[in-house]
Amino acid sequence: MQSHIMTKNEAVVAKKPRRKKWWNSYTLYFILPALLLYSIFVVYPTGSSLYLSLTSWNGVSPEIQFIGLDNFKEIFQSDRVHNALKNTVILTVVLVILENIVALGLAVLVEQMRRYSNFFRVAFYLPVLLSGIVMGFIWKIIYNYNFGALTQILDKLGLSSLKVDWLGDPKLSIFAIIFATVWKQSGYYMIIYLAALQGVPEELHEAAKIDGANRWQQFRHVTFPLLSGAVTVCVILSTISALKIFDQIAIMTDGGPGFATETLTYIVYKVAFAEGRQGFGTALALVLFALILIVSVIQIRVLRKREVQL
């Protein structure tokens, strides 16, 4: 009897279809092209960067000398890198504040317009479509001390005494770049804020009016708290954009005068390609990547917690 039962069990097991191994699945064939491209353009370069950061390679020579952590030691001891970090912090803080204030102001202005709102929406967004290189050339001409548009306007107004070499003054050049960047980038964040403003229920404004709130009080206590999600997105995006700013500096000042506008991103380019220190430049690029990652994570946690509180 027992042998008969065992025979039936074996027959049941034999009838069960075998599960296909995962590597026999057609899914693998769909994954392979993307995995191959990802490995070639992301995984391999990342691994190579980690290795090159520990060498003194000049970017050309076939010989690569391993020097360990010497590049990272030099980064933390270099006055030039410290100056670039200071410039990066100034640019980032000022750009994030100004870009978001201007963008939010433009969004509120466009949202309240009854006529020509589409025209102004397009007009404010147009600078975003310009590449950083084109924008840099435009503002370099505007700031030119001899024939720039800003100089000519001051001459026409009889204010020639206020003429300044905006890009040649070490104290003013970084703020000239900031102003031009705010002009270019604010329209992008304006669109995000505008979309968030259009999602605010009109009933809440009507209720605030009934309670006697003026326009500023409505914005402060009703509208702005509901924009917390858009604020989080715009602050994070503008911070990352400011930390890796490059095109404007390359065209407008080339990091000068002296090292007055040299940032971490620009010094990576200068050191790696202009000075032939690929190993040091790669190490600095990894430090910059870590800085952007840390700042972004902190911002996300702080701003998300603020959203919950609001």
C-alpha atoms as a PDB file:
ATOM      1  CA  MET A   1       0.000   0.000   0.000  1.00  0.00           C
ATOM      2  CA  GLN A   2       2.783   2.384   0.937  1.00  0.00           C
ATOM      3  CA  SER A   3       4.661   1.706  -2.247  1.00  0.00           C
ATOM      4  CA  HIS A   4       1.456   2.388  -4.172  1.00  0.00           C
ATOM      5  CA  ILE A   5       1.068   5.795  -2.467  1.00  0.00           C
ATOM      6  CA  MET A   6       4.664   6.703  -3.156  1.00  0.00           C
ATOM      7  CA  THR A   7       4.153   5.846  -6.765  1.00  0.00           C
ATOM      8  CA  LYS A   8       1.168   8.201  -7.015  1.00  0.00           C
ATOM      9  CA  ASN A   9       3.092  11.011  -5.338  1.00  0.00           C
ATOM     10  CA  GLU A  10       5.953  10.552  -7.711  1.00  0.00           C
ATOM     11  CA  ALA A  11       3.492  10.691 -10.599  1.00  0.00           C
ATOM     12  CA  VAL A  12       2.047  13.995  -9.317  1.00  0.00           C
ATOM     13  CA  VAL A  13       5.515  15.509  -8.943  1.00  0.00           C
ATOM     14  CA  ALA A  14       6.410  14.340 -12.415  1.00  0.00           C
ATOM     15  CA  LYS A  15       3.346  16.060 -13.870  1.00  0.00           C
ATOM     16  CA  LYS A  16       4.221  19.463 -12.304  1.00  0.00           C
ATOM     17  CA  PRO A  17       5.836  21.783 -14.860  1.00  0.00           C
ATOM     18  CA  ARG A  18       9.345  22.760 -14.036  1.00  0.00           C
ATOM     19  CA  ARG A  19       9.980  26.438 -13.373  1.00  0.00           C
ATOM     20  CA  LYS A  20      12.187  28.085 -15.896  1.00  0.00           C
ATOM     21  CA  LYS A  21      15.500  29.329 -14.681  1.00  0.00           C
ATOM     22  CA  TRP A  22      15.667  33.142 -14.560  1.00  0.00           C
ATOM     23  CA  TRP A  23      18.510  33.200 -17.038  1.00  0.00           C
ATOM     24  CA  ASN A  24      16.369  31.338 -19.551  1.00  0.00           C
ATOM     25  CA  SER A  25      13.695  34.006 -19.393  1.00  0.00           C
ATOM     26  CA  TYR A  26      13.201  36.389 -22.304  1.00  0.00           C
ATOM     27  CA  THR A  27      13.328  39.241 -19.772  1.00  0.00           C
ATOM     28  CA  LEU A  28      17.094  38.957 -19.735  1.00  0.00           C
ATOM     29  CA  TYR A  29      17.280  39.692 -23.451  1.00  0.00           C
ATOM     30  CA  PHE A  30      15.343  42.940 -22.964  1.00  0.00           C
ATOM     31  CA  ILE A  31      17.565  43.983 -20.063  1.00  0.00           C
ATOM     32  CA  LEU A  32      20.873  43.243 -21.732  1.00  0.00           C
ATOM     33  CA  PRO A  33      21.030  46.224 -24.183  1.00  0.00           C
ATOM     34  CA  ALA A  34      20.249  48.782 -21.467  1.00  0.00           C
ATOM     35  CA  LEU A  35      22.564  47.018 -19.004  1.00  0.00           C
ATOM     36  CA  LEU A  36      25.365  47.002 -21.566  1.00  0.00           C
ATOM     37  CA  LEU A  37      24.986  50.716 -22.324  1.00  0.00           C
ATOM     38  CA  TYR A  38      24.745  51.554 -18.610  1.00  0.00           C
ATOM     39  CA  SER A  39      27.891  49.576 -17.907  1.00  0.00           C
ATOM     40  CA  ILE A  40      29.826  51.236 -20.739  1.00  0.00           C
ATOM     41  CA  PHE A  41      28.778  54.830 -20.034  1.00  0.00           C
ATOM     42  CA  VAL A  42      28.257  54.789 -16.236  1.00  0.00           C
ATOM     43  CA  VAL A  43      29.766  51.814 -14.414  1.00  0.00           C
ATOM     44  CA  TYR A  44      33.074  51.682 -16.294  1.00  0.00           C
ATOM     45  CA  PRO A  45      33.716  55.475 -16.233  1.00  0.00           C
ATOM     46  CA  THR A  46      32.886  55.546 -12.520  1.00  0.00           C
ATOM     47  CA  GLY A  47      35.315  52.742 -11.776  1.00  0.00           C
ATOM     48  CA  SER A  48      37.974  54.368 -13.959  1.00  0.00           C
ATOM     49  CA  SER A  49      37.479  57.685 -12.166  1.00  0.00           C
ATOM     50  CA  LEU A  50      37.974  56.064  -8.785  1.00  0.00           C
ATOM     51  CA  TYR A  51      41.234  54.559  -9.997  1.00  0.00           C
ATOM     52  CA  LEU A  52      42.492  57.681 -11.820  1.00  0.00           C
ATOM     53  CA  SER A  53      41.866  59.808  -8.724  1.00  0.00           C
ATOM     54  CA  LEU A  54      44.604  57.788  -7.032  1.00  0.00           C
ATOM     55  CA  THR A  55      47.155  58.456  -9.775  1.00  0.00           C
ATOM     56  CA  SER A  56      49.232  61.329 -11.155  1.00  0.00           C
ATOM     57  CA  TRP A  57      48.166  60.705 -14.778  1.00  0.00           C
ATOM     58  CA  ASN A  58      48.466  63.715 -17.084  1.00  0.00           C
ATOM     59  CA  GLY A  59      45.696  62.586 -19.443  1.00  0.00           C
ATOM     60  CA  VAL A  60      48.028  61.760 -22.354  1.00  0.00           C
ATOM     61  CA  SER A  61      50.899  59.559 -21.265  1.00  0.00           C
ATOM     62  CA  PRO A  62      50.367  55.763 -21.439  1.00  0.00           C
ATOM     63  CA  GLU A  63      52.199  55.473 -18.120  1.00  0.00           C
ATOM     64  CA  ILE A  64      50.021  55.898 -15.049  1.00  0.00           C
ATOM     65  CA  GLN A  65      51.717  56.297 -11.680  1.00  0.00           C
ATOM     66  CA  PHE A  66      49.766  55.255  -8.589  1.00  0.00           C
ATOM     67  CA  ILE A  67      50.154  57.803  -5.767  1.00  0.00           C
ATOM     68  CA  GLY A  68      47.391  56.769  -3.348  1.00  0.00           C
ATOM     69  CA  LEU A  69      45.537  59.527  -1.514  1.00  0.00           C
ATOM     70  CA  ASP A  70      48.018  62.313  -2.343  1.00  0.00           C
ATOM     71  CA  ASN A  71      45.524  64.054  -4.660  1.00  0.00           C
ATOM     72  CA  PHE A  72      42.885  64.213  -1.933  1.00  0.00           C
ATOM     73  CA  LYS A  73      45.440  65.506   0.588  1.00  0.00           C
ATOM     74  CA  GLU A  74      46.374  68.278  -1.841  1.00  0.00           C
ATOM     75  CA  ILE A  75      42.698  69.146  -2.351  1.00  0.00           C
ATOM     76  CA  PHE A  76      42.143  69.765   1.352  1.00  0.00           C
ATOM     77  CA  GLN A  77      45.390  71.745   1.678  1.00  0.00           C
ATOM     78  CA  SER A  78      45.233  73.830  -1.519  1.00  0.00           C
ATOM     79  CA  ASP A  79      44.455  77.557  -1.148  1.00  0.00           C
ATOM     80  CA  ARG A  80      43.244  77.611  -4.743  1.00  0.00           C
ATOM     81  CA  VAL A  81      40.672  74.907  -4.013  1.00  0.00           C
ATOM     82  CA  HIS A  82      39.613  76.698  -0.825  1.00  0.00           C
ATOM     83  CA  ASN A  83      39.061  79.897  -2.838  1.00  0.00           C
ATOM     84  CA  ALA A  84      37.060  77.955  -5.446  1.00  0.00           C
ATOM     85  CA  LEU A  85      34.951  76.418  -2.659  1.00  0.00           C
ATOM     86  CA  LYS A  86      34.274  79.887  -1.224  1.00  0.00           C
ATOM     87  CA  ASN A  87      33.196  81.174  -4.644  1.00  0.00           C
ATOM     88  CA  THR A  88      31.001  78.108  -5.153  1.00  0.00           C
ATOM     89  CA  VAL A  89      29.272  78.633  -1.806  1.00  0.00           C
ATOM     90  CA  ILE A  90      28.656  82.343  -2.538  1.00  0.00           C
ATOM     91  CA  LEU A  91      27.286  81.570  -6.004  1.00  0.00           C
ATOM     92  CA  THR A  92      25.082  78.756  -4.739  1.00  0.00           C
ATOM     93  CA  VAL A  93      23.563  80.589  -1.777  1.00  0.00           C
ATOM     94  CA  VAL A  94      22.883  83.830  -3.660  1.00  0.00           C
ATOM     95  CA  LEU A  95      21.631  82.107  -6.820  1.00  0.00           C
ATOM     96  CA  VAL A  96      19.242  79.788  -4.958  1.00  0.00           C
ATOM     97  CA  ILE A  97      17.735  82.681  -3.008  1.00  0.00           C
ATOM     98  CA  LEU A  98      17.448  85.131  -5.921  1.00  0.00           C
ATOM     99  CA  GLU A  99      16.315  82.616  -8.544  1.00  0.00           C
ATOM    100  CA  ASN A 100      13.502  81.321  -6.358  1.00  0.00           C
ATOM    101  CA  ILE A 101      12.375  84.771  -5.204  1.00  0.00           C
ATOM    102  CA  VAL A 102      12.359  86.133  -8.769  1.00  0.00           C
ATOM    103  CA  ALA A 103      10.725  82.983 -10.160  1.00  0.00           C
ATOM    104  CA  LEU A 104       7.985  83.004  -7.539  1.00  0.00           C
ATOM    105  CA  GLY A 105       7.387  86.725  -8.074  1.00  0.00           C
ATOM    106  CA  LEU A 106       7.086  86.250 -11.843  1.00  0.00           C
ATOM    107  CA  ALA A 107       4.754  83.293 -11.353  1.00  0.00           C
ATOM    108  CA  VAL A 108       2.442  85.296  -9.072  1.00  0.00           C
ATOM    109  CA  LEU A 109       2.514  88.227 -11.518  1.00  0.00           C
ATOM    110  CA  VAL A 110       1.654  86.065 -14.542  1.00  0.00           C
ATOM    111  CA  GLU A 111      -0.994  84.102 -12.648  1.00  0.00           C
ATOM    112  CA  GLN A 112      -2.857  87.298 -11.686  1.00  0.00           C
ATOM    113  CA  MET A 113      -2.781  88.804 -15.187  1.00  0.00           C
ATOM    114  CA  ARG A 114      -6.111  88.908 -16.980  1.00  0.00           C
ATOM    115  CA  ARG A 115      -4.687  89.867 -20.374  1.00  0.00           C
ATOM    116  CA  TYR A 116      -1.462  88.960 -22.189  1.00  0.00           C
ATOM    117  CA  SER A 117      -0.560  86.324 -19.597  1.00  0.00           C
ATOM    118  CA  ASN A 118       0.538  83.879 -22.295  1.00  0.00           C
ATOM    119  CA  PHE A 119       2.762  86.523 -23.883  1.00  0.00           C
ATOM    120  CA  PHE A 120       4.571  87.286 -20.640  1.00  0.00           C
ATOM    121  CA  ARG A 121       4.814  83.595 -19.790  1.00  0.00           C
ATOM    122  CA  VAL A 122       6.673  83.002 -23.052  1.00  0.00           C
ATOM    123  CA  ALA A 123       8.769  86.172 -22.673  1.00  0.00           C
ATOM    124  CA  PHE A 124       9.950  85.227 -19.191  1.00  0.00           C
ATOM    125  CA  TYR A 125      10.727  81.670 -20.291  1.00  0.00           C
ATOM    126  CA  LEU A 126      12.659  82.537 -23.477  1.00  0.00           C
ATOM    127  CA  PRO A 127      16.065  83.057 -21.753  1.00  0.00           C
ATOM    128  CA  VAL A 128      15.899  79.459 -20.519  1.00  0.00           C
ATOM    129  CA  LEU A 129      16.062  78.240 -24.117  1.00  0.00           C
ATOM    130  CA  LEU A 130      19.459  79.890 -24.627  1.00  0.00           C
ATOM    131  CA  SER A 131      22.503  77.731 -24.001  1.00  0.00           C
ATOM    132  CA  GLY A 132      24.894  78.833 -21.292  1.00  0.00           C
ATOM    133  CA  ILE A 133      27.498  79.653 -23.946  1.00  0.00           C
ATOM    134  CA  VAL A 134      25.166  81.935 -25.928  1.00  0.00           C
ATOM    135  CA  MET A 135      23.992  83.601 -22.736  1.00  0.00           C
ATOM    136  CA  GLY A 136      27.603  84.138 -21.683  1.00  0.00           C
ATOM    137  CA  PHE A 137      28.471  85.881 -24.959  1.00  0.00           C
ATOM    138  CA  ILE A 138      25.357  88.091 -24.742  1.00  0.00           C
ATOM    139  CA  TRP A 139      26.123  89.291 -21.231  1.00  0.00           C
ATOM    140  CA  LYS A 140      29.835  89.636 -21.924  1.00  0.00           C
ATOM    141  CA  ILE A 141      28.926  92.153 -24.616  1.00  0.00           C
ATOM    142  CA  ILE A 142      26.388  93.894 -22.348  1.00  0.00           C
ATOM    143  CA  TYR A 143      28.987  94.240 -19.566  1.00  0.00           C
ATOM    144  CA  ASN A 144      31.794  95.424 -21.887  1.00  0.00           C
ATOM    145  CA  TYR A 145      33.322  98.578 -20.423  1.00  0.00           C
ATOM    146  CA  ASN A 146      34.026 100.275 -23.767  1.00  0.00           C
ATOM    147  CA  PHE A 147      30.996  99.593 -25.967  1.00  0.00           C
ATOM    148  CA  GLY A 148      28.622  97.475 -23.892  1.00  0.00           C
ATOM    149  CA  ALA A 149      24.897  98.201 -23.712  1.00  0.00           C
ATOM    150  CA  LEU A 150      25.097  98.907 -19.984  1.00  0.00           C
ATOM    151  CA  THR A 151      27.865 101.475 -20.547  1.00  0.00           C
ATOM    152  CA  GLN A 152      25.902 103.208 -23.323  1.00  0.00           C
ATOM    153  CA  ILE A 153      22.749 103.388 -21.185  1.00  0.00           C
ATOM    154  CA  LEU A 154      24.696 105.024 -18.349  1.00  0.00           C
ATOM    155  CA  ASP A 155      26.235 107.500 -20.795  1.00  0.00           C
ATOM    156  CA  LYS A 156      22.802 108.405 -22.220  1.00  0.00           C
ATOM    157  CA  LEU A 157      21.468 108.996 -18.696  1.00  0.00           C
ATOM    158  CA  GLY A 158      24.423 111.188 -17.784  1.00  0.00           C
ATOM    159  CA  LEU A 159      25.670 108.679 -15.225  1.00  0.00           C
ATOM    160  CA  SER A 160      29.075 107.985 -16.750  1.00  0.00           C
ATOM    161  CA  SER A 161      30.642 108.188 -13.303  1.00  0.00           C
ATOM    162  CA  LEU A 162      28.862 104.917 -12.419  1.00  0.00           C
ATOM    163  CA  LYS A 163      30.557 102.983 -15.213  1.00  0.00           C
ATOM    164  CA  VAL A 164      32.434  99.978 -13.896  1.00  0.00           C
ATOM    165  CA  ASP A 165      34.421  97.189 -15.499  1.00  0.00           C
ATOM    166  CA  TRP A 166      31.941  94.618 -14.237  1.00  0.00           C
ATOM    167  CA  LEU A 167      33.858  91.542 -15.395  1.00  0.00           C
ATOM    168  CA  GLY A 168      37.307  93.015 -14.716  1.00  0.00           C
ATOM    169  CA  ASP A 169      36.748  93.958 -11.075  1.00  0.00           C
ATOM    170  CA  PRO A 170      37.524  91.013  -8.725  1.00  0.00           C
ATOM    171  CA  LYS A 171      34.920  92.234  -6.238  1.00  0.00           C
ATOM    172  CA  LEU A 172      32.096  92.646  -8.768  1.00  0.00           C
ATOM    173  CA  SER A 173      32.705  89.952 -11.389  1.00  0.00           C
ATOM    174  CA  ILE A 174      31.093  87.126  -9.422  1.00  0.00           C
ATOM    175  CA  PHE A 175      27.951  89.208  -8.841  1.00  0.00           C
ATOM    176  CA  ALA A 176      27.808  90.105 -12.543  1.00  0.00           C
ATOM    177  CA  ILE A 177      27.726  86.376 -13.292  1.00  0.00           C
ATOM    178  CA  ILE A 178      25.027  85.863 -10.654  1.00  0.00           C
ATOM    179  CA  PHE A 179      22.804  88.560 -12.181  1.00  0.00           C
ATOM    180  CA  ALA A 180      23.130  87.083 -15.672  1.00  0.00           C
ATOM    181  CA  THR A 181      22.405  83.571 -14.385  1.00  0.00           C
ATOM    182  CA  VAL A 182      19.292  84.716 -12.521  1.00  0.00           C
ATOM    183  CA  TRP A 183      18.072  86.319 -15.767  1.00  0.00           C
ATOM    184  CA  LYS A 184      18.539  83.042 -17.601  1.00  0.00           C
ATOM    185  CA  GLN A 185      17.291  80.505 -15.061  1.00  0.00           C
ATOM    186  CA  SER A 186      14.373  82.199 -13.293  1.00  0.00           C
ATOM    187  CA  GLY A 187      11.909  81.467 -16.106  1.00  0.00           C
ATOM    188  CA  TYR A 188      12.436  77.720 -15.671  1.00  0.00           C
ATOM    189  CA  TYR A 189      11.473  77.756 -12.003  1.00  0.00           C
ATOM    190  CA  MET A 190       8.660  80.214 -12.764  1.00  0.00           C
ATOM    191  CA  ILE A 191       6.895  77.491 -14.776  1.00  0.00           C
ATOM    192  CA  ILE A 192       7.046  75.090 -11.811  1.00  0.00           C
ATOM    193  CA  TYR A 193       5.698  77.700  -9.401  1.00  0.00           C
ATOM    194  CA  LEU A 194       3.026  78.723 -11.893  1.00  0.00           C
ATOM    195  CA  ALA A 195       1.778  75.144 -12.166  1.00  0.00           C
ATOM    196  CA  ALA A 196       1.619  74.931  -8.365  1.00  0.00           C
ATOM    197  CA  LEU A 197      -0.227  78.268  -8.092  1.00  0.00           C
ATOM    198  CA  GLN A 198      -2.886  77.116 -10.530  1.00  0.00           C
ATOM    199  CA  GLY A 199      -3.525  74.132  -8.277  1.00  0.00           C
ATOM    200  CA  VAL A 200      -4.417  76.270  -5.246  1.00  0.00           C
ATOM    201  CA  PRO A 201      -8.222  76.136  -4.706  1.00  0.00           C
ATOM    202  CA  GLU A 202      -9.894  79.515  -5.226  1.00  0.00           C
ATOM    203  CA  GLU A 203     -12.278  78.756  -2.342  1.00  0.00           C
ATOM    204  CA  LEU A 204      -9.435  79.168   0.132  1.00  0.00           C
ATOM    205  CA  HIS A 205      -8.736  82.710  -1.101  1.00  0.00           C
ATOM    206  CA  GLU A 206     -12.407  83.597  -0.913  1.00  0.00           C
ATOM    207  CA  ALA A 207     -12.587  82.285   2.643  1.00  0.00           C
ATOM    208  CA  ALA A 208      -9.506  84.342   3.580  1.00  0.00           C
ATOM    209  CA  LYS A 209     -11.086  87.472   2.058  1.00  0.00           C
ATOM    210  CA  ILE A 210     -14.218  86.938   4.090  1.00  0.00           C
ATOM    211  CA  ASP A 211     -12.051  86.701   7.214  1.00  0.00           C
ATOM    212  CA  GLY A 212     -10.547  90.094   6.346  1.00  0.00           C
ATOM    213  CA  ALA A 213      -7.134  88.990   5.080  1.00  0.00           C
ATOM    214  CA  ASN A 214      -5.361  91.330   2.659  1.00  0.00           C
ATOM    215  CA  ARG A 215      -3.381  90.112  -0.384  1.00  0.00           C
ATOM    216  CA  TRP A 216      -0.110  89.684   1.485  1.00  0.00           C
ATOM    217  CA  GLN A 217      -1.817  87.784   4.311  1.00  0.00           C
ATOM    218  CA  GLN A 218      -3.558  85.545   1.767  1.00  0.00           C
ATOM    219  CA  PHE A 219      -0.259  84.777   0.097  1.00  0.00           C
ATOM    220  CA  ARG A 220       1.614  84.279   3.383  1.00  0.00           C
ATOM    221  CA  HIS A 221      -0.907  82.086   5.176  1.00  0.00           C
ATOM    222  CA  VAL A 222      -2.835  80.422   2.338  1.00  0.00           C
ATOM    223  CA  THR A 223      -0.916  80.334  -0.937  1.00  0.00           C
ATOM    224  CA  PHE A 224       2.703  79.897   0.147  1.00  0.00           C
ATOM    225  CA  PRO A 225       2.130  76.877   2.445  1.00  0.00           C
ATOM    226  CA  LEU A 226       0.434  75.089  -0.461  1.00  0.00           C
ATOM    227  CA  LEU A 227       3.506  75.714  -2.632  1.00  0.00           C
ATOM    228  CA  SER A 228       5.816  73.741  -0.335  1.00  0.00           C
ATOM    229  CA  GLY A 229       6.169  70.885  -2.836  1.00  0.00           C
ATOM    230  CA  ALA A 230       7.148  73.274  -5.627  1.00  0.00           C
ATOM    231  CA  VAL A 231       9.571  75.079  -3.291  1.00  0.00           C
ATOM    232  CA  THR A 232      11.281  71.767  -2.494  1.00  0.00           C
ATOM    233  CA  VAL A 233      11.705  70.895  -6.167  1.00  0.00           C
ATOM    234  CA  CYS A 234      12.921  74.353  -7.210  1.00  0.00           C
ATOM    235  CA  VAL A 235      15.365  74.761  -4.326  1.00  0.00           C
ATOM    236  CA  ILE A 236      16.960  71.362  -4.961  1.00  0.00           C
ATOM    237  CA  LEU A 237      17.189  71.897  -8.734  1.00  0.00           C
ATOM    238  CA  SER A 238      18.594  75.416  -8.385  1.00  0.00           C
ATOM    239  CA  THR A 239      21.147  74.245  -5.807  1.00  0.00           C
ATOM    240  CA  ILE A 240      22.442  71.444  -8.029  1.00  0.00           C
ATOM    241  CA  SER A 241      22.541  73.794 -11.029  1.00  0.00           C
ATOM    242  CA  ALA A 242      24.494  76.423  -9.061  1.00  0.00           C
ATOM    243  CA  LEU A 243      26.992  73.919  -7.665  1.00  0.00           C
ATOM    244  CA  LYS A 244      27.946  72.751 -11.152  1.00  0.00           C
ATOM    245  CA  ILE A 245      27.830  76.126 -12.948  1.00  0.00           C
ATOM    246  CA  PHE A 246      30.396  76.198 -15.750  1.00  0.00           C
ATOM    247  CA  ASP A 247      29.382  77.705 -19.122  1.00  0.00           C
ATOM    248  CA  GLN A 248      28.814  81.249 -17.908  1.00  0.00           C
ATOM    249  CA  ILE A 249      32.157  81.396 -16.114  1.00  0.00           C
ATOM    250  CA  ALA A 250      34.069  79.860 -19.032  1.00  0.00           C
ATOM    251  CA  ILE A 251      32.742  82.441 -21.486  1.00  0.00           C
ATOM    252  CA  MET A 252      32.418  85.570 -19.368  1.00  0.00           C
ATOM    253  CA  THR A 253      35.519  85.552 -17.148  1.00  0.00           C
ATOM    254  CA  ASP A 254      37.531  82.338 -17.699  1.00  0.00           C
ATOM    255  CA  GLY A 255      37.717  82.077 -13.921  1.00  0.00           C
ATOM    256  CA  GLY A 256      39.234  85.555 -13.582  1.00  0.00           C
ATOM    257  CA  PRO A 257      40.183  88.184 -12.955  1.00  0.00           C
ATOM    258  CA  GLY A 258      42.886  86.151 -11.248  1.00  0.00           C
ATOM    259  CA  PHE A 259      40.938  83.417  -9.466  1.00  0.00           C
ATOM    260  CA  ALA A 260      38.012  85.656  -8.451  1.00  0.00           C
ATOM    261  CA  THR A 261      35.296  83.621 -10.209  1.00  0.00           C
ATOM    262  CA  GLU A 262      36.887  80.180 -10.216  1.00  0.00           C
ATOM    263  CA  THR A 263      34.456  77.562  -8.876  1.00  0.00           C
ATOM    264  CA  LEU A 264      34.918  73.876  -8.094  1.00  0.00           C
ATOM    265  CA  THR A 265      33.425  72.827 -11.416  1.00  0.00           C
ATOM    266  CA  TYR A 266      35.598  75.225 -13.376  1.00  0.00           C
ATOM    267  CA  ILE A 267      38.780  74.327 -11.527  1.00  0.00           C
ATOM    268  CA  VAL A 268      38.151  70.666 -12.383  1.00  0.00           C
ATOM    269  CA  TYR A 269      38.196  71.608 -16.072  1.00  0.00           C
ATOM    270  CA  LYS A 270      41.207  73.907 -15.771  1.00  0.00           C
ATOM    271  CA  VAL A 271      43.325  71.474 -13.785  1.00  0.00           C
ATOM    272  CA  ALA A 272      42.415  68.353 -15.753  1.00  0.00           C
ATOM    273  CA  PHE A 273      42.610  69.687 -19.312  1.00  0.00           C
ATOM    274  CA  ALA A 274      44.465  73.015 -19.329  1.00  0.00           C
ATOM    275  CA  GLU A 275      47.146  72.028 -16.801  1.00  0.00           C
ATOM    276  CA  GLY A 276      47.395  68.333 -17.700  1.00  0.00           C
ATOM    277  CA  ARG A 277      46.633  66.980 -14.219  1.00  0.00           C
ATOM    278  CA  GLN A 278      43.919  64.479 -15.012  1.00  0.00           C
ATOM    279  CA  GLY A 279      44.401  62.501 -11.797  1.00  0.00           C
ATOM    280  CA  PHE A 280      44.030  65.557  -9.570  1.00  0.00           C
ATOM    281  CA  GLY A 281      41.082  66.832 -11.609  1.00  0.00           C
ATOM    282  CA  THR A 282      39.322  63.471 -11.300  1.00  0.00           C
ATOM    283  CA  ALA A 283      39.854  63.446  -7.538  1.00  0.00           C
ATOM    284  CA  LEU A 284      38.398  66.954  -7.300  1.00  0.00           C
ATOM    285  CA  ALA A 285      35.429  65.904  -9.447  1.00  0.00           C
ATOM    286  CA  LEU A 286      34.710  63.047  -7.017  1.00  0.00           C
ATOM    287  CA  VAL A 287      34.849  65.476  -4.085  1.00  0.00           C
ATOM    288  CA  LEU A 288      32.419  67.766  -5.917  1.00  0.00           C
ATOM    289  CA  PHE A 289      30.095  64.819  -6.589  1.00  0.00           C
ATOM    290  CA  ALA A 290      30.139  63.901  -2.890  1.00  0.00           C
ATOM    291  CA  LEU A 291      29.427  67.534  -1.955  1.00  0.00           C
ATOM    292  CA  ILE A 292      26.427  67.748  -4.304  1.00  0.00           C
ATOM    293  CA  LEU A 293      25.101  64.416  -3.014  1.00  0.00           C
ATOM    294  CA  ILE A 294      25.401  65.432   0.650  1.00  0.00           C
ATOM    295  CA  VAL A 295      23.820  68.857   0.100  1.00  0.00           C
ATOM    296  CA  SER A 296      20.943  67.340  -1.915  1.00  0.00           C
ATOM    297  CA  VAL A 297      20.192  64.679   0.716  1.00  0.00           C
ATOM    298  CA  ILE A 298      20.191  67.265   3.520  1.00  0.00           C
ATOM    299  CA  GLN A 299      17.915  69.578   1.529  1.00  0.00           C
ATOM    300  CA  ILE A 300      15.461  66.791   0.730  1.00  0.00           C
ATOM    301  CA  ARG A 301      15.195  65.759   4.384  1.00  0.00           C
ATOM    302  CA  VAL A 302      14.828  69.300   5.699  1.00  0.00           C
ATOM    303  CA  LEU A 303      12.360  70.466   3.033  1.00  0.00           C
ATOM    304  CA  ARG A 304      10.279  67.282   3.194  1.00  0.00           C
ATOM    305  CA  LYS A 305       9.977  67.688   6.963  1.00  0.00           C
ATOM    306  CA  ARG A 306       8.894  71.304   6.374  1.00  0.00           C
ATOM    307  CA  GLU A 307       6.204  70.119   3.950  1.00  0.00           C
ATOM    308  CA  VAL A 308       4.774  67.805   6.615  1.00  0.00           C
ATOM    309  CA  GLN A 309       4.766  70.596   9.210  1.00  0.00           C
ATOM    310  CA  LEU A 310       2.954  72.961   6.821  1.00  0.00           C
END
